[in-house]
Amino acid sequence: MEQNEEYVNLFEHLKKLRLSKNISLKSIAQDSRIQLSYLEAIESGEYEKIPEVYDKLFFQTYISYLNVDDPEKYLAEFKALRKEIYYPTPTTTIQRIKTSTEKNNAFFNLKTLFFFGPVVLIVAVLVFFAMNSEMIDTGSGEVVKELPVRKIVAEIEARNSKKNDSLAALVGDSLKGKNVNISLTAVETTWLRFIKDSKDTSEYTLHAGNKIAIKADSTVHFLVGNAAGLKFNINGVDEGLLGKEGEVISYLKITPTGITAKRIKVLTKKGGANDTTGTN
């Protein structure tokens, strides 16, 4: 197959990049389950040796193992070159005038195709499956049986789907198993109200020595009538009293990371109040 300079430079560059990173085609074949012969065809630019419906996916998987800086750039170059291979721009137009002899030959060819076409198709299918059941020598004595092309494609697509969801998975893992666990101990008579996960509201009047435990999935919001009347233990950390005598906790937000917002209201002698705000 004749190749232009741009076509050769692209695949030579990818091969040099692979060799510089000490990555073997056999290791890529073993991990991706793509036939070694297909990977060799990629590096030589002989894409007519790869089933046309899978060549883009195989190329994209190949460059993913090379960890190139701009994979979309290489994929765009490949698509442009692939278009030249499979859909070349016609340079001449030949108009044929059919004679009666050609018509007779055409009729004969249709009869031949009708009788022998199915046989040729069956042979082609058998050859295709035979090629896809070849064995790859990994060089370490281990022999890996290759899967049919459709199953390889399914595995690659599933792997790509997992990569696309990696960020969501990391966020989910980081929060998995973390809840809000609060233990309250009253040192003075205290009224309080709390809301768990923005839906369950409870109200208590606790006396000295009373204890309650609160567990929530994400958040607990508090209103405490006597800031100096309750000791807080949050997620195993003793926070102690959160205010002083004569203060009211007008707003308190607790999450799995601890106290994230707090407002203290100071009661004045005339019955008024001044707010102070604190956040962690």
C-alpha atoms as a PDB file:
ATOM      1  CA  MET A   1       0.000   0.000   0.000  1.00  0.00           C
ATOM      2  CA  GLU A   2       1.397   3.400  -0.983  1.00  0.00           C
ATOM      3  CA  GLN A   3       1.678   5.808   1.970  1.00  0.00           C
ATOM      4  CA  ASN A   4       2.284   9.553   1.926  1.00  0.00           C
ATOM      5  CA  GLU A   5       4.834  11.223   4.208  1.00  0.00           C
ATOM      6  CA  GLU A   6       2.265  12.496   6.716  1.00  0.00           C
ATOM      7  CA  TYR A   7       0.753   9.002   7.005  1.00  0.00           C
ATOM      8  CA  VAL A   8       4.128   7.372   7.702  1.00  0.00           C
ATOM      9  CA  ASN A   9       5.252  10.060  10.171  1.00  0.00           C
ATOM     10  CA  LEU A  10       2.153   9.645  12.370  1.00  0.00           C
ATOM     11  CA  PHE A  11       2.601   5.913  12.957  1.00  0.00           C
ATOM     12  CA  GLU A  12       6.396   6.083  13.161  1.00  0.00           C
ATOM     13  CA  HIS A  13       5.982   8.736  15.845  1.00  0.00           C
ATOM     14  CA  LEU A  14       3.567   6.520  17.833  1.00  0.00           C
ATOM     15  CA  LYS A  15       5.889   3.532  17.559  1.00  0.00           C
ATOM     16  CA  LYS A  16       8.890   5.590  18.761  1.00  0.00           C
ATOM     17  CA  LEU A  17       6.778   6.902  21.634  1.00  0.00           C
ATOM     18  CA  ARG A  18       5.825   3.355  22.665  1.00  0.00           C
ATOM     19  CA  LEU A  19       9.422   2.158  22.520  1.00  0.00           C
ATOM     20  CA  SER A  20      10.623   5.160  24.528  1.00  0.00           C
ATOM     21  CA  LYS A  21       8.182   4.184  27.280  1.00  0.00           C
ATOM     22  CA  ASN A  22       9.315   0.539  27.118  1.00  0.00           C
ATOM     23  CA  ILE A  23       5.803  -0.720  26.347  1.00  0.00           C
ATOM     24  CA  SER A  24       5.553  -3.891  24.271  1.00  0.00           C
ATOM     25  CA  LEU A  25       2.803  -4.666  21.798  1.00  0.00           C
ATOM     26  CA  LYS A  26       2.441  -8.081  23.415  1.00  0.00           C
ATOM     27  CA  SER A  27       1.625  -6.519  26.797  1.00  0.00           C
ATOM     28  CA  ILE A  28      -1.005  -4.300  25.166  1.00  0.00           C
ATOM     29  CA  ALA A  29      -2.473  -7.305  23.355  1.00  0.00           C
ATOM     30  CA  GLN A  30      -2.617  -9.331  26.557  1.00  0.00           C
ATOM     31  CA  ASP A  31      -4.313  -6.570  28.557  1.00  0.00           C
ATOM     32  CA  SER A  32      -6.720  -5.277  25.899  1.00  0.00           C
ATOM     33  CA  ARG A  33      -7.452  -8.691  24.319  1.00  0.00           C
ATOM     34  CA  ILE A  34      -6.850  -7.200  20.869  1.00  0.00           C
ATOM     35  CA  GLN A  35      -5.007  -9.497  18.451  1.00  0.00           C
ATOM     36  CA  LEU A  36      -1.292  -8.788  18.182  1.00  0.00           C
ATOM     37  CA  SER A  37      -1.600  -8.794  14.379  1.00  0.00           C
ATOM     38  CA  TYR A  38      -4.112  -5.927  14.588  1.00  0.00           C
ATOM     39  CA  LEU A  39      -1.767  -3.878  16.801  1.00  0.00           C
ATOM     40  CA  GLU A  40       1.081  -4.479  14.367  1.00  0.00           C
ATOM     41  CA  ALA A  41      -1.198  -3.333  11.545  1.00  0.00           C
ATOM     42  CA  ILE A  42      -1.918  -0.134  13.498  1.00  0.00           C
ATOM     43  CA  GLU A  43       1.779   0.730  13.817  1.00  0.00           C
ATOM     44  CA  SER A  44       2.449  -0.067  10.181  1.00  0.00           C
ATOM     45  CA  GLY A  45      -0.625   1.883   9.038  1.00  0.00           C
ATOM     46  CA  GLU A  46      -2.077  -1.152   7.237  1.00  0.00           C
ATOM     47  CA  TYR A  47      -5.675  -0.590   8.279  1.00  0.00           C
ATOM     48  CA  GLU A  48      -7.100  -2.744   5.504  1.00  0.00           C
ATOM     49  CA  LYS A  49      -6.000  -5.707   7.685  1.00  0.00           C
ATOM     50  CA  ILE A  50      -8.388  -4.633  10.463  1.00  0.00           C
ATOM     51  CA  PRO A  51     -12.198  -4.984  10.247  1.00  0.00           C
ATOM     52  CA  GLU A  52     -13.315  -1.507   9.175  1.00  0.00           C
ATOM     53  CA  VAL A  53     -16.051  -1.312  11.810  1.00  0.00           C
ATOM     54  CA  TYR A  54     -13.533  -1.761  14.656  1.00  0.00           C
ATOM     55  CA  ASP A  55     -10.376   0.051  13.486  1.00  0.00           C
ATOM     56  CA  LYS A  56     -11.193   3.389  15.148  1.00  0.00           C
ATOM     57  CA  LEU A  57     -11.934   1.725  18.490  1.00  0.00           C
ATOM     58  CA  PHE A  58      -8.751  -0.368  18.314  1.00  0.00           C
ATOM     59  CA  PHE A  59      -6.663   2.735  17.474  1.00  0.00           C
ATOM     60  CA  GLN A  60      -8.221   4.698  20.339  1.00  0.00           C
ATOM     61  CA  THR A  61      -7.493   1.835  22.756  1.00  0.00           C
ATOM     62  CA  TYR A  62      -3.908   1.543  21.462  1.00  0.00           C
ATOM     63  CA  ILE A  63      -3.088   5.233  22.080  1.00  0.00           C
ATOM     64  CA  SER A  64      -4.714   5.061  25.535  1.00  0.00           C
ATOM     65  CA  TYR A  65      -1.972   2.610  26.590  1.00  0.00           C
ATOM     66  CA  LEU A  66       0.690   5.090  25.402  1.00  0.00           C
ATOM     67  CA  ASN A  67      -0.658   7.859  27.680  1.00  0.00           C
ATOM     68  CA  VAL A  68      -0.264  10.513  24.975  1.00  0.00           C
ATOM     69  CA  ASP A  69      -0.759  14.141  26.004  1.00  0.00           C
ATOM     70  CA  ASP A  70      -3.459  14.955  23.452  1.00  0.00           C
ATOM     71  CA  PRO A  71      -5.274  11.751  22.392  1.00  0.00           C
ATOM     72  CA  GLU A  72      -7.984  13.696  20.551  1.00  0.00           C
ATOM     73  CA  LYS A  73      -5.342  15.183  18.256  1.00  0.00           C
ATOM     74  CA  TYR A  74      -4.044  11.735  17.264  1.00  0.00           C
ATOM     75  CA  LEU A  75      -7.580  10.433  16.819  1.00  0.00           C
ATOM     76  CA  ALA A  76      -8.423  13.356  14.505  1.00  0.00           C
ATOM     77  CA  GLU A  77      -5.293  12.692  12.413  1.00  0.00           C
ATOM     78  CA  PHE A  78      -6.188   9.023  12.205  1.00  0.00           C
ATOM     79  CA  LYS A  79      -9.735   9.784  11.050  1.00  0.00           C
ATOM     80  CA  ALA A  80      -8.406  12.062   8.311  1.00  0.00           C
ATOM     81  CA  LEU A  81      -5.965   9.393   7.092  1.00  0.00           C
ATOM     82  CA  ARG A  82      -8.606   6.683   7.361  1.00  0.00           C
ATOM     83  CA  LYS A  83     -10.890   8.701   5.128  1.00  0.00           C
ATOM     84  CA  GLU A  84      -8.157   8.800   2.488  1.00  0.00           C
ATOM     85  CA  ILE A  85      -7.763   5.000   2.704  1.00  0.00           C
ATOM     86  CA  TYR A  86     -11.398   3.926   2.544  1.00  0.00           C
ATOM     87  CA  TYR A  87     -12.907   6.850   0.637  1.00  0.00           C
ATOM     88  CA  PRO A  88     -10.276   8.169  -1.839  1.00  0.00           C
ATOM     89  CA  THR A  89     -11.207  11.134  -3.979  1.00  0.00           C
ATOM     90  CA  PRO A  90     -11.900   9.910  -7.538  1.00  0.00           C
ATOM     91  CA  THR A  91      -9.648  11.420 -10.168  1.00  0.00           C
ATOM     92  CA  THR A  92     -11.295  10.104 -13.337  1.00  0.00           C
ATOM     93  CA  THR A  93     -14.734   9.041 -14.458  1.00  0.00           C
ATOM     94  CA  ILE A  94     -15.074   6.166 -16.922  1.00  0.00           C
ATOM     95  CA  GLN A  95     -18.297   5.770 -18.804  1.00  0.00           C
ATOM     96  CA  ARG A  96     -18.988   2.275 -20.153  1.00  0.00           C
ATOM     97  CA  ILE A  97     -21.346   1.363 -22.972  1.00  0.00           C
ATOM     98  CA  LYS A  98     -22.829  -2.051 -22.384  1.00  0.00           C
ATOM     99  CA  THR A  99     -23.031  -4.349 -25.387  1.00  0.00           C
ATOM    100  CA  SER A 100     -25.355  -7.276 -25.746  1.00  0.00           C
ATOM    101  CA  THR A 101     -22.437  -9.553 -24.902  1.00  0.00           C
ATOM    102  CA  GLU A 102     -21.835  -7.717 -21.626  1.00  0.00           C
ATOM    103  CA  LYS A 103     -25.523  -8.072 -20.777  1.00  0.00           C
ATOM    104  CA  ASN A 104     -25.319 -11.808 -21.360  1.00  0.00           C
ATOM    105  CA  ASN A 105     -22.174 -11.949 -19.217  1.00  0.00           C
ATOM    106  CA  ALA A 106     -23.956  -9.996 -16.515  1.00  0.00           C
ATOM    107  CA  PHE A 107     -26.830 -12.499 -16.554  1.00  0.00           C
ATOM    108  CA  PHE A 108     -24.348 -15.349 -16.346  1.00  0.00           C
ATOM    109  CA  ASN A 109     -22.542 -13.634 -13.434  1.00  0.00           C
ATOM    110  CA  LEU A 110     -25.826 -13.205 -11.546  1.00  0.00           C
ATOM    111  CA  LYS A 111     -26.567 -16.924 -11.914  1.00  0.00           C
ATOM    112  CA  THR A 112     -23.060 -17.771 -10.757  1.00  0.00           C
ATOM    113  CA  LEU A 113     -23.400 -15.454  -7.750  1.00  0.00           C
ATOM    114  CA  PHE A 114     -26.761 -16.996  -6.866  1.00  0.00           C
ATOM    115  CA  PHE A 115     -25.342 -20.528  -6.740  1.00  0.00           C
ATOM    116  CA  PHE A 116     -21.854 -19.930  -5.385  1.00  0.00           C
ATOM    117  CA  GLY A 117     -22.325 -16.757  -3.306  1.00  0.00           C
ATOM    118  CA  PRO A 118     -23.623 -18.540  -0.173  1.00  0.00           C
ATOM    119  CA  VAL A 119     -20.709 -21.008  -0.314  1.00  0.00           C
ATOM    120  CA  VAL A 120     -18.158 -18.182  -0.514  1.00  0.00           C
ATOM    121  CA  LEU A 121     -19.887 -16.388   2.361  1.00  0.00           C
ATOM    122  CA  ILE A 122     -19.795 -19.475   4.601  1.00  0.00           C
ATOM    123  CA  VAL A 123     -16.101 -20.013   3.866  1.00  0.00           C
ATOM    124  CA  ALA A 124     -15.363 -16.352   4.652  1.00  0.00           C
ATOM    125  CA  VAL A 125     -17.190 -16.580   8.007  1.00  0.00           C
ATOM    126  CA  LEU A 126     -15.285 -19.744   8.959  1.00  0.00           C
ATOM    127  CA  VAL A 127     -11.959 -18.113   8.077  1.00  0.00           C
ATOM    128  CA  PHE A 128     -12.862 -15.024  10.102  1.00  0.00           C
ATOM    129  CA  PHE A 129     -13.683 -17.021  13.239  1.00  0.00           C
ATOM    130  CA  ALA A 130     -10.580 -19.144  12.765  1.00  0.00           C
ATOM    131  CA  MET A 131      -8.422 -15.990  12.674  1.00  0.00           C
ATOM    132  CA  ASN A 132     -10.075 -14.671  15.825  1.00  0.00           C
ATOM    133  CA  SER A 133      -9.334 -17.841  17.756  1.00  0.00           C
ATOM    134  CA  GLU A 134      -5.552 -17.627  17.242  1.00  0.00           C
ATOM    135  CA  MET A 135      -3.249 -17.874  20.224  1.00  0.00           C
ATOM    136  CA  ILE A 136      -0.841 -15.132  21.334  1.00  0.00           C
ATOM    137  CA  ASP A 137       2.548 -16.000  22.789  1.00  0.00           C
ATOM    138  CA  THR A 138       3.136 -13.439  25.564  1.00  0.00           C
ATOM    139  CA  GLY A 139       6.866 -14.222  25.734  1.00  0.00           C
ATOM    140  CA  SER A 140       6.582 -15.385  29.341  1.00  0.00           C
ATOM    141  CA  GLY A 141       5.426 -18.899  28.549  1.00  0.00           C
ATOM    142  CA  GLU A 142       1.802 -17.947  29.232  1.00  0.00           C
ATOM    143  CA  VAL A 143      -0.632 -18.427  26.345  1.00  0.00           C
ATOM    144  CA  VAL A 144      -3.743 -16.261  26.183  1.00  0.00           C
ATOM    145  CA  LYS A 145      -6.696 -17.356  24.095  1.00  0.00           C
ATOM    146  CA  GLU A 146      -8.140 -14.406  22.226  1.00  0.00           C
ATOM    147  CA  LEU A 147     -11.814 -13.543  22.317  1.00  0.00           C
ATOM    148  CA  PRO A 148     -14.033 -12.864  19.291  1.00  0.00           C
ATOM    149  CA  VAL A 149     -13.862  -9.272  18.050  1.00  0.00           C
ATOM    150  CA  ARG A 150     -17.365  -8.360  19.257  1.00  0.00           C
ATOM    151  CA  LYS A 151     -16.563  -9.459  22.806  1.00  0.00           C
ATOM    152  CA  ILE A 152     -13.294  -7.515  22.750  1.00  0.00           C
ATOM    153  CA  VAL A 153     -15.199  -4.391  21.693  1.00  0.00           C
ATOM    154  CA  ALA A 154     -17.721  -4.909  24.500  1.00  0.00           C
ATOM    155  CA  GLU A 155     -14.910  -5.168  27.062  1.00  0.00           C
ATOM    156  CA  ILE A 156     -13.217  -2.023  25.752  1.00  0.00           C
ATOM    157  CA  GLU A 157     -16.458  -0.037  25.796  1.00  0.00           C
ATOM    158  CA  ALA A 158     -17.184  -1.188  29.365  1.00  0.00           C
ATOM    159  CA  ARG A 159     -13.663  -0.145  30.425  1.00  0.00           C
ATOM    160  CA  ASN A 160     -14.070   3.279  28.797  1.00  0.00           C
ATOM    161  CA  SER A 161     -17.429   3.724  30.517  1.00  0.00           C
ATOM    162  CA  LYS A 162     -15.797   3.051  33.896  1.00  0.00           C
ATOM    163  CA  LYS A 163     -13.093   5.619  33.133  1.00  0.00           C
ATOM    164  CA  ASN A 164     -15.705   8.225  32.234  1.00  0.00           C
ATOM    165  CA  ASP A 165     -17.412   7.613  35.600  1.00  0.00           C
ATOM    166  CA  SER A 166     -14.166   7.602  37.619  1.00  0.00           C
ATOM    167  CA  LEU A 167     -14.659  11.062  39.172  1.00  0.00           C
ATOM    168  CA  ALA A 168     -18.160  10.215  40.374  1.00  0.00           C
ATOM    169  CA  ALA A 169     -16.879   6.925  41.787  1.00  0.00           C
ATOM    170  CA  LEU A 170     -14.056   8.656  43.692  1.00  0.00           C
ATOM    171  CA  VAL A 171     -16.463  11.168  45.243  1.00  0.00           C
ATOM    172  CA  GLY A 172     -18.835   8.383  46.219  1.00  0.00           C
ATOM    173  CA  ASP A 173     -16.044   6.319  47.810  1.00  0.00           C
ATOM    174  CA  SER A 174     -14.762   9.301  49.792  1.00  0.00           C
ATOM    175  CA  LEU A 175     -18.171   9.814  51.458  1.00  0.00           C
ATOM    176  CA  LYS A 176     -19.145   6.162  51.775  1.00  0.00           C
ATOM    177  CA  GLY A 177     -19.723   5.082  55.359  1.00  0.00           C
ATOM    178  CA  LYS A 178     -19.453   8.617  56.809  1.00  0.00           C
ATOM    179  CA  ASN A 179     -22.394   9.847  58.904  1.00  0.00           C
ATOM    180  CA  VAL A 180     -23.064  12.429  61.571  1.00  0.00           C
ATOM    181  CA  ASN A 181     -22.870  10.959  65.086  1.00  0.00           C
ATOM    182  CA  ILE A 182     -23.579  13.341  67.971  1.00  0.00           C
ATOM    183  CA  SER A 183     -23.741  12.652  71.690  1.00  0.00           C
ATOM    184  CA  LEU A 184     -25.275  15.361  73.931  1.00  0.00           C
ATOM    185  CA  THR A 185     -24.860  15.609  77.731  1.00  0.00           C
ATOM    186  CA  ALA A 186     -26.853  18.210  79.678  1.00  0.00           C
ATOM    187  CA  VAL A 187     -25.028  20.088  82.464  1.00  0.00           C
ATOM    188  CA  GLU A 188     -27.938  22.480  83.081  1.00  0.00           C
ATOM    189  CA  THR A 189     -31.619  22.517  82.194  1.00  0.00           C
ATOM    190  CA  THR A 190     -31.674  23.232  78.467  1.00  0.00           C
ATOM    191  CA  TRP A 191     -34.289  23.381  75.723  1.00  0.00           C
ATOM    192  CA  LEU A 192     -33.239  22.362  72.200  1.00  0.00           C
ATOM    193  CA  ARG A 193     -34.637  21.624  68.779  1.00  0.00           C
ATOM    194  CA  PHE A 194     -32.808  19.809  65.961  1.00  0.00           C
ATOM    195  CA  ILE A 195     -33.565  18.773  62.365  1.00  0.00           C
ATOM    196  CA  LYS A 196     -31.907  15.660  60.867  1.00  0.00           C
ATOM    197  CA  ASP A 197     -31.181  15.571  57.126  1.00  0.00           C
ATOM    198  CA  SER A 198     -33.591  18.497  56.567  1.00  0.00           C
ATOM    199  CA  LYS A 199     -36.662  16.342  57.255  1.00  0.00           C
ATOM    200  CA  ASP A 200     -36.913  14.929  60.826  1.00  0.00           C
ATOM    201  CA  THR A 201     -37.571  17.536  63.556  1.00  0.00           C
ATOM    202  CA  SER A 202     -37.294  16.764  67.290  1.00  0.00           C
ATOM    203  CA  GLU A 203     -37.612  18.966  70.403  1.00  0.00           C
ATOM    204  CA  TYR A 204     -36.426  18.244  73.968  1.00  0.00           C
ATOM    205  CA  THR A 205     -36.028  19.804  77.387  1.00  0.00           C
ATOM    206  CA  LEU A 206     -33.018  18.154  79.029  1.00  0.00           C
ATOM    207  CA  HIS A 207     -32.047  18.348  82.688  1.00  0.00           C
ATOM    208  CA  ALA A 208     -28.586  18.007  84.191  1.00  0.00           C
ATOM    209  CA  GLY A 209     -27.247  14.499  83.625  1.00  0.00           C
ATOM    210  CA  ASN A 210     -29.597  13.666  80.740  1.00  0.00           C
ATOM    211  CA  LYS A 211     -27.947  12.250  77.592  1.00  0.00           C
ATOM    212  CA  ILE A 212     -29.186  11.705  74.065  1.00  0.00           C
ATOM    213  CA  ALA A 213     -27.534  10.335  70.910  1.00  0.00           C
ATOM    214  CA  ILE A 214     -28.293  11.629  67.417  1.00  0.00           C
ATOM    215  CA  LYS A 215     -27.319   9.960  64.130  1.00  0.00           C
ATOM    216  CA  ALA A 216     -27.918  11.450  60.656  1.00  0.00           C
ATOM    217  CA  ASP A 217     -26.848  10.710  57.087  1.00  0.00           C
ATOM    218  CA  SER A 218     -25.632  14.203  56.123  1.00  0.00           C
ATOM    219  CA  THR A 219     -26.569  17.171  58.340  1.00  0.00           C
ATOM    220  CA  VAL A 220     -28.080  18.159  61.677  1.00  0.00           C
ATOM    221  CA  HIS A 221     -29.300  21.724  62.381  1.00  0.00           C
ATOM    222  CA  PHE A 222     -29.679  22.896  66.014  1.00  0.00           C
ATOM    223  CA  LEU A 223     -31.412  25.636  68.006  1.00  0.00           C
ATOM    224  CA  VAL A 224     -30.280  25.579  71.678  1.00  0.00           C
ATOM    225  CA  GLY A 225     -31.892  27.788  74.340  1.00  0.00           C
ATOM    226  CA  ASN A 226     -28.944  27.590  76.781  1.00  0.00           C
ATOM    227  CA  ALA A 227     -25.553  27.563  75.007  1.00  0.00           C
ATOM    228  CA  ALA A 228     -23.793  26.698  78.276  1.00  0.00           C
ATOM    229  CA  GLY A 229     -26.153  23.845  79.102  1.00  0.00           C
ATOM    230  CA  LEU A 230     -25.004  21.148  76.647  1.00  0.00           C
ATOM    231  CA  LYS A 231     -21.744  19.347  75.998  1.00  0.00           C
ATOM    232  CA  PHE A 232     -21.267  18.134  72.406  1.00  0.00           C
ATOM    233  CA  ASN A 233     -19.353  15.077  71.236  1.00  0.00           C
ATOM    234  CA  ILE A 234     -19.278  15.105  67.413  1.00  0.00           C
ATOM    235  CA  ASN A 235     -18.063  12.060  65.468  1.00  0.00           C
ATOM    236  CA  GLY A 236     -16.038  10.917  68.465  1.00  0.00           C
ATOM    237  CA  VAL A 237     -14.466  14.351  69.102  1.00  0.00           C
ATOM    238  CA  ASP A 238     -15.292  16.060  72.416  1.00  0.00           C
ATOM    239  CA  GLU A 239     -16.237  19.662  71.539  1.00  0.00           C
ATOM    240  CA  GLY A 240     -17.442  20.532  75.058  1.00  0.00           C
ATOM    241  CA  LEU A 241     -19.703  23.546  75.617  1.00  0.00           C
ATOM    242  CA  LEU A 242     -20.360  25.639  72.510  1.00  0.00           C
ATOM    243  CA  GLY A 243     -21.364  28.834  74.315  1.00  0.00           C
ATOM    244  CA  LYS A 244     -21.404  30.772  77.567  1.00  0.00           C
ATOM    245  CA  GLU A 245     -23.961  31.527  80.255  1.00  0.00           C
ATOM    246  CA  GLY A 246     -26.615  33.879  78.922  1.00  0.00           C
ATOM    247  CA  GLU A 247     -26.059  32.903  75.276  1.00  0.00           C
ATOM    248  CA  VAL A 248     -28.413  31.148  72.857  1.00  0.00           C
ATOM    249  CA  ILE A 249     -27.269  29.063  69.890  1.00  0.00           C
ATOM    250  CA  SER A 250     -29.609  30.489  67.257  1.00  0.00           C
ATOM    251  CA  TYR A 251     -28.132  28.344  64.434  1.00  0.00           C
ATOM    252  CA  LEU A 252     -25.748  25.383  64.395  1.00  0.00           C
ATOM    253  CA  LYS A 253     -24.978  23.142  61.396  1.00  0.00           C
ATOM    254  CA  ILE A 254     -23.071  19.871  61.820  1.00  0.00           C
ATOM    255  CA  THR A 255     -21.969  17.590  58.933  1.00  0.00           C
ATOM    256  CA  PRO A 256     -19.683  14.506  58.735  1.00  0.00           C
ATOM    257  CA  THR A 257     -16.719  16.940  58.782  1.00  0.00           C
ATOM    258  CA  GLY A 258     -17.867  18.595  62.027  1.00  0.00           C
ATOM    259  CA  ILE A 259     -19.319  22.050  62.792  1.00  0.00           C
ATOM    260  CA  THR A 260     -19.612  24.050  59.562  1.00  0.00           C
ATOM    261  CA  ALA A 261     -21.700  27.027  60.758  1.00  0.00           C
ATOM    262  CA  LYS A 262     -22.651  28.526  64.117  1.00  0.00           C
ATOM    263  CA  ARG A 263     -24.498  31.670  65.288  1.00  0.00           C
ATOM    264  CA  ILE A 264     -24.598  32.759  68.913  1.00  0.00           C
ATOM    265  CA  LYS A 265     -27.175  35.193  70.254  1.00  0.00           C
ATOM    266  CA  VAL A 266     -26.214  37.094  73.423  1.00  0.00           C
ATOM    267  CA  LEU A 267     -29.170  37.985  75.630  1.00  0.00           C
ATOM    268  CA  THR A 268     -29.012  41.551  77.053  1.00  0.00           C
ATOM    269  CA  LYS A 269     -30.325  42.716  80.401  1.00  0.00           C
ATOM    270  CA  LYS A 270     -33.233  44.531  78.713  1.00  0.00           C
ATOM    271  CA  GLY A 271     -34.400  41.332  77.026  1.00  0.00           C
ATOM    272  CA  GLY A 272     -32.819  42.125  73.651  1.00  0.00           C
ATOM    273  CA  ALA A 273     -30.185  40.088  71.824  1.00  0.00           C
ATOM    274  CA  ASN A 274     -27.008  40.530  69.808  1.00  0.00           C
ATOM    275  CA  ASP A 275     -25.935  37.936  67.201  1.00  0.00           C
ATOM    276  CA  THR A 276     -22.409  36.688  66.643  1.00  0.00           C
ATOM    277  CA  THR A 277     -21.474  34.303  63.859  1.00  0.00           C
ATOM    278  CA  GLY A 278     -18.825  31.635  63.661  1.00  0.00           C
ATOM    279  CA  THR A 279     -18.027  28.997  61.004  1.00  0.00           C
ATOM    280  CA  ASN A 280     -15.541  26.140  60.824  1.00  0.00           C
END
